[in-house]
Amino acid sequence: MDSGVINSAIKKLCLTEGKSLKEVIQYLKLKYKIDADEAVLQKRLEKIVTNEKAVA
């Protein structure tokens, strides 16, 4: 799985547009044919938020 695609989808949909992780899963499945688990995406989202807080 390409982490760049997944992380950018999480950033775009969750953080920018305020969508849920279920919508990120659907987006990845339809556009990139990537099956992602919600728990994995939740961990990635938490890591992204933590890293952005550390930078800011």
C-alpha atoms as a PDB file:
ATOM      1  CA  MET A   1       0.000   0.000   0.000  1.00  0.00           C
ATOM      2  CA  ASP A   2       1.304   3.407  -0.923  1.00  0.00           C
ATOM      3  CA  SER A   3       1.438   5.513   2.230  1.00  0.00           C
ATOM      4  CA  GLY A   4       1.549   8.748   0.233  1.00  0.00           C
ATOM      5  CA  VAL A   5      -1.830   8.085  -1.345  1.00  0.00           C
ATOM      6  CA  ILE A   6      -3.416   6.955   1.894  1.00  0.00           C
ATOM      7  CA  ASN A   7      -2.031   9.793   3.999  1.00  0.00           C
ATOM      8  CA  SER A   8      -2.967  12.395   1.409  1.00  0.00           C
ATOM      9  CA  ALA A   9      -6.513  10.999   1.253  1.00  0.00           C
ATOM     10  CA  ILE A  10      -6.782  11.176   5.048  1.00  0.00           C
ATOM     11  CA  LYS A  11      -5.454  14.740   5.104  1.00  0.00           C
ATOM     12  CA  LYS A  12      -7.713  15.862   2.266  1.00  0.00           C
ATOM     13  CA  LEU A  13     -10.945  14.197   3.345  1.00  0.00           C
ATOM     14  CA  CYS A  14     -10.735  14.070   7.152  1.00  0.00           C
ATOM     15  CA  LEU A  15      -8.761  17.151   8.069  1.00  0.00           C
ATOM     16  CA  THR A  16      -9.649  19.537   5.243  1.00  0.00           C
ATOM     17  CA  GLU A  17     -13.202  18.523   4.343  1.00  0.00           C
ATOM     18  CA  GLY A  18     -14.273  17.063   7.701  1.00  0.00           C
ATOM     19  CA  LYS A  19     -15.379  13.695   6.294  1.00  0.00           C
ATOM     20  CA  SER A  20     -15.410  10.443   8.249  1.00  0.00           C
ATOM     21  CA  LEU A  21     -12.945   7.579   7.952  1.00  0.00           C
ATOM     22  CA  LYS A  22     -15.668   5.463   6.332  1.00  0.00           C
ATOM     23  CA  GLU A  23     -15.726   7.942   3.458  1.00  0.00           C
ATOM     24  CA  VAL A  24     -11.928   7.727   3.191  1.00  0.00           C
ATOM     25  CA  ILE A  25     -12.234   3.927   2.976  1.00  0.00           C
ATOM     26  CA  GLN A  26     -14.822   4.238   0.218  1.00  0.00           C
ATOM     27  CA  TYR A  27     -12.687   6.797  -1.649  1.00  0.00           C
ATOM     28  CA  LEU A  28      -9.593   4.588  -1.529  1.00  0.00           C
ATOM     29  CA  LYS A  29     -11.596   1.558  -2.609  1.00  0.00           C
ATOM     30  CA  LEU A  30     -13.227   3.269  -5.574  1.00  0.00           C
ATOM     31  CA  LYS A  31     -10.348   5.386  -6.842  1.00  0.00           C
ATOM     32  CA  TYR A  32      -7.291   3.240  -6.072  1.00  0.00           C
ATOM     33  CA  LYS A  33      -8.802  -0.215  -5.404  1.00  0.00           C
ATOM     34  CA  ILE A  34      -7.142  -0.216  -1.972  1.00  0.00           C
ATOM     35  CA  ASP A  35      -8.866  -2.076   0.853  1.00  0.00           C
ATOM     36  CA  ALA A  36      -8.010  -0.305   4.102  1.00  0.00           C
ATOM     37  CA  ASP A  37      -9.076  -1.178   7.613  1.00  0.00           C
ATOM     38  CA  GLU A  38     -10.728   1.580   9.658  1.00  0.00           C
ATOM     39  CA  ALA A  39      -8.504   0.878  12.673  1.00  0.00           C
ATOM     40  CA  VAL A  40      -5.372   1.301  10.546  1.00  0.00           C
ATOM     41  CA  LEU A  41      -6.654   4.579   9.110  1.00  0.00           C
ATOM     42  CA  GLN A  42      -7.524   5.791  12.620  1.00  0.00           C
ATOM     43  CA  LYS A  43      -3.928   5.154  13.738  1.00  0.00           C
ATOM     44  CA  ARG A  44      -2.597   7.001  10.694  1.00  0.00           C
ATOM     45  CA  LEU A  45      -4.958   9.927  11.348  1.00  0.00           C
ATOM     46  CA  GLU A  46      -3.779  10.144  14.970  1.00  0.00           C
ATOM     47  CA  LYS A  47      -0.149  10.061  13.831  1.00  0.00           C
ATOM     48  CA  ILE A  48      -0.753  12.819  11.253  1.00  0.00           C
ATOM     49  CA  VAL A  49      -2.501  15.021  13.823  1.00  0.00           C
ATOM     50  CA  THR A  50       0.268  14.427  16.368  1.00  0.00           C
ATOM     51  CA  ASN A  51       2.974  15.293  13.826  1.00  0.00           C
ATOM     52  CA  GLU A  52       1.176  18.456  12.740  1.00  0.00           C
ATOM     53  CA  LYS A  53       0.828  19.602  16.360  1.00  0.00           C
ATOM     54  CA  ALA A  54       4.544  18.997  16.902  1.00  0.00           C
ATOM     55  CA  VAL A  55       5.422  21.103  13.852  1.00  0.00           C
ATOM     56  CA  ALA A  56       3.080  23.951  14.723  1.00  0.00           C
END
